[in-house]
Protein backbone atom coordinates (compact mmCIF):
# COMPACT_ATOMS: atom_id res chain seq x y z
CA UNK A 1 -143.92 83.21 -149.38
CA UNK A 2 -146.23 82.16 -146.66
CA UNK A 3 -145.39 82.30 -142.98
CA UNK A 4 -143.75 79.31 -140.76
CA UNK A 5 -146.44 78.41 -137.78
CA UNK A 6 -143.99 80.41 -135.69
CA UNK A 7 -144.44 83.78 -137.95
CA UNK A 8 -148.29 83.14 -137.34
CA UNK A 9 -148.56 82.65 -133.43
CA UNK A 10 -147.52 86.10 -133.39
CA UNK A 11 -150.98 87.03 -134.54
CA UNK A 12 -152.50 84.68 -132.13
CA UNK A 13 -155.25 86.35 -129.47
CA UNK A 14 -157.84 83.39 -129.70
CA UNK A 15 -157.35 79.81 -129.01
CA UNK A 16 -160.25 77.33 -129.90
CA UNK A 17 -159.93 73.81 -128.70
CA UNK A 18 -162.53 71.19 -129.54
CA UNK A 19 -163.05 68.78 -126.95
CA UNK A 20 -163.64 64.94 -127.23
CA UNK A 21 -159.54 63.99 -129.16
CA UNK A 22 -157.92 67.20 -127.98
CA UNK A 23 -158.65 68.02 -124.29
CA UNK A 24 -159.62 64.40 -123.50
CA UNK A 25 -157.65 61.35 -125.06
CA UNK A 26 -160.94 60.41 -126.67
CA UNK A 27 -162.15 57.51 -125.21
CA UNK A 28 -165.10 57.83 -122.34
CA UNK A 29 -165.82 55.56 -119.34
CA UNK A 30 -169.28 54.86 -119.42
CA UNK A 31 -171.02 54.08 -115.83
CA UNK A 32 -173.80 51.50 -115.59
CA UNK A 33 -176.01 54.21 -115.18
CA UNK A 34 -174.73 55.66 -118.59
CA UNK A 35 -172.92 59.15 -117.82
CA UNK A 36 -169.87 59.39 -120.06
CA UNK A 37 -166.76 60.26 -117.92
CA UNK A 38 -163.54 61.72 -119.84
CA UNK A 39 -159.71 62.23 -118.27
CA UNK A 40 -158.47 65.64 -118.75
CA UNK A 41 -154.72 66.79 -118.42
CA UNK A 42 -153.78 69.25 -115.53
CA UNK A 43 -151.28 70.75 -117.61
CA UNK A 44 -153.91 71.28 -120.36
CA UNK A 45 -155.82 73.23 -117.62
CA UNK A 46 -152.97 75.42 -116.25
CA UNK A 47 -152.25 76.21 -119.38
CA UNK A 48 -155.74 77.47 -120.81
CA UNK A 49 -156.17 79.52 -117.25
CA UNK A 50 -153.14 80.90 -117.65
CA UNK A 51 -153.59 82.06 -121.39
CA UNK A 52 -157.33 83.83 -119.63
CA UNK A 53 -155.56 85.38 -117.68
CA UNK A 54 -153.16 86.73 -119.92
CA UNK A 55 -156.15 88.23 -121.99
CA UNK A 56 -156.17 85.89 -125.14
CA UNK A 57 -159.98 84.67 -125.44
CA UNK A 58 -160.34 81.09 -124.85
CA UNK A 59 -163.41 79.12 -126.22
CA UNK A 60 -164.44 75.57 -126.41
CA UNK A 61 -166.09 74.53 -129.09
CA UNK A 62 -167.41 70.59 -129.51
CA UNK A 63 -170.14 68.54 -130.71
CA UNK A 64 -169.89 66.39 -126.81
CA UNK A 65 -172.36 67.90 -124.18
CA UNK A 66 -171.24 66.84 -121.19
CA UNK A 67 -171.98 69.12 -118.30
CA UNK A 68 -168.98 67.96 -116.57
CA UNK A 69 -166.58 69.74 -118.81
CA UNK A 70 -168.57 72.81 -118.75
CA UNK A 71 -167.95 72.93 -115.17
CA UNK A 72 -164.22 72.26 -115.71
CA UNK A 73 -163.42 74.80 -117.79
CA UNK A 74 -165.18 77.30 -115.73
CA UNK A 75 -163.63 76.71 -113.30
CA UNK A 76 -160.49 77.89 -115.30
CA UNK A 77 -162.14 81.12 -116.82
CA UNK A 78 -163.51 79.93 -119.52
CA UNK A 79 -166.74 81.58 -120.58
CA UNK A 80 -166.97 80.68 -124.32
CA UNK A 81 -168.12 76.91 -124.40
CA UNK A 82 -170.40 75.58 -126.79
CA UNK A 83 -171.11 71.98 -126.12
CA UNK A 84 -173.19 70.10 -128.48
CA UNK A 85 -172.77 71.73 -131.71
CA UNK A 86 -173.46 70.19 -134.92
CA UNK A 87 -172.33 72.87 -137.79
CA UNK A 88 -169.02 74.22 -135.99
CA UNK A 89 -168.36 77.05 -138.21
CA UNK A 90 -171.32 78.35 -137.71
CA UNK A 91 -170.61 78.80 -134.02
CA UNK A 92 -167.43 80.22 -135.16
CA UNK A 93 -168.70 82.50 -137.27
CA UNK A 94 -171.47 83.60 -134.50
CA UNK A 95 -168.31 83.81 -131.71
CA UNK A 96 -165.83 85.30 -134.03
CA UNK A 97 -168.60 88.07 -135.06
CA UNK A 98 -169.63 88.72 -131.44
CA UNK A 99 -166.34 89.75 -130.22
CA UNK A 100 -164.96 90.98 -133.66
CA UNK A 101 -162.04 88.56 -133.95
CA UNK A 102 -160.40 87.85 -137.08
CA UNK A 103 -159.98 84.48 -138.66
CA UNK A 104 -156.00 85.03 -139.00
CA UNK A 105 -155.60 85.75 -134.97
CA UNK A 106 -157.15 82.15 -134.46
CA UNK A 107 -155.60 79.12 -133.72
CA UNK A 108 -157.66 75.51 -133.42
CA UNK A 109 -157.16 72.80 -132.24
CA UNK A 110 -159.06 69.99 -133.46
CA UNK A 111 -158.84 66.21 -134.37
CA UNK A 112 -160.87 64.87 -136.38
CA UNK A 113 -163.35 65.63 -139.40
CA UNK A 114 -165.56 67.33 -137.48
CA UNK A 115 -162.96 70.38 -137.69
CA UNK A 116 -161.93 70.08 -140.53
CA UNK A 117 -164.25 72.82 -142.15
CA UNK A 118 -163.51 75.50 -139.23
CA UNK A 119 -159.80 74.20 -139.17
CA UNK A 120 -159.76 75.48 -143.11
CA UNK A 121 -160.96 79.33 -141.65
CA UNK A 122 -158.24 80.55 -138.87
CA UNK A 123 -154.80 81.57 -139.29
CA UNK A 124 -153.48 78.71 -136.81
CA UNK A 125 -155.06 75.56 -137.73
CA UNK A 126 -153.26 72.96 -135.46
CA UNK A 127 -154.11 69.26 -134.07
CA UNK A 128 -152.43 66.64 -132.41
CA UNK A 129 -150.18 64.09 -132.73
CA UNK A 130 -152.83 61.03 -132.98
CA UNK A 131 -155.20 63.52 -135.11
CA UNK A 132 -156.93 62.04 -138.38
CA UNK A 133 -154.98 61.95 -141.13
CA UNK A 134 -156.98 64.48 -142.90
CA UNK A 135 -156.56 66.93 -140.27
CA UNK A 136 -152.87 66.64 -139.67
CA UNK A 137 -152.85 67.53 -144.01
CA UNK A 138 -154.06 70.50 -143.12
CA UNK A 139 -152.91 71.44 -139.74
CA UNK A 140 -150.29 74.24 -139.90
CA UNK A 141 -148.65 72.61 -136.92
CA UNK A 142 -148.94 69.16 -135.31
CA UNK A 143 -148.45 68.72 -131.99
CA UNK A 144 -146.08 66.16 -130.36
CA UNK A 145 -148.77 65.34 -128.06
CA UNK A 146 -151.53 63.15 -128.39
CA UNK A 147 -154.78 64.96 -127.58
CA UNK A 148 -155.83 64.17 -123.71
CA UNK A 149 -151.52 64.58 -123.35
CA UNK A 150 -150.36 67.70 -123.54
CA UNK A 151 -151.38 68.85 -126.81
CA UNK A 152 -153.13 72.38 -125.57
CA UNK A 153 -150.50 73.04 -123.08
CA UNK A 154 -148.11 72.95 -126.21
CA UNK A 155 -150.20 75.56 -128.18
CA UNK A 156 -150.69 77.63 -125.55
CA UNK A 157 -147.16 77.53 -124.08
CA UNK A 158 -145.73 77.79 -127.89
CA UNK A 159 -147.72 80.74 -128.48
CA UNK A 160 -147.41 82.74 -125.45
CA UNK A 161 -143.66 82.22 -125.40
CA UNK A 162 -143.41 83.94 -129.09
CA UNK A 163 -145.24 86.28 -127.87
CA UNK A 164 -143.01 86.56 -124.49
CA UNK A 165 -145.39 86.51 -121.81
CA UNK A 166 -144.70 82.79 -121.31
CA UNK A 167 -142.37 83.10 -118.10
CA UNK A 168 -143.44 87.11 -117.62
CA UNK A 169 -146.90 85.62 -117.02
CA UNK A 170 -145.24 83.64 -113.71
CA UNK A 171 -143.06 86.14 -113.18
CA UNK A 172 -145.62 88.80 -112.34
CA UNK A 173 -147.40 86.35 -109.57
CA UNK A 174 -144.09 86.27 -107.50
CA UNK A 175 -142.90 89.51 -107.63
């Protein structure tokens, strides 16, 4: 019998997220100079920072290459940021080898076909509510939130709650 997604959450030590369609709603605003601007959800950022502070490994693997995204993520304490990635599987394998992370310890959230093959390799493939049908079909958990609207917070908060680290993180700051 296979484990439920809540049971799998007990084993998660690592979060990997795509950017466009996960940390953003997938839309871009193009300025007259050609710069592409994205919106990110502040609650997603707060949860990623909480995960880092609680010792989880947080990694970003994205086909996009916006340096503003890198700056935002670094400000949250995320150091493993792979942008402009053409082969997400190779990057995933390199990353997990460097840190000696087992695939069953990884929660990966993606939203579209470039994430498909990586998601097949992780312990807990997840996606936002508005993901491509092929991604929803292979996800063990589909967030009730769309990309860029708190889906990252949703999965991080659930993992930390299952592992008893969500409120404890905040209580420790204010004790």
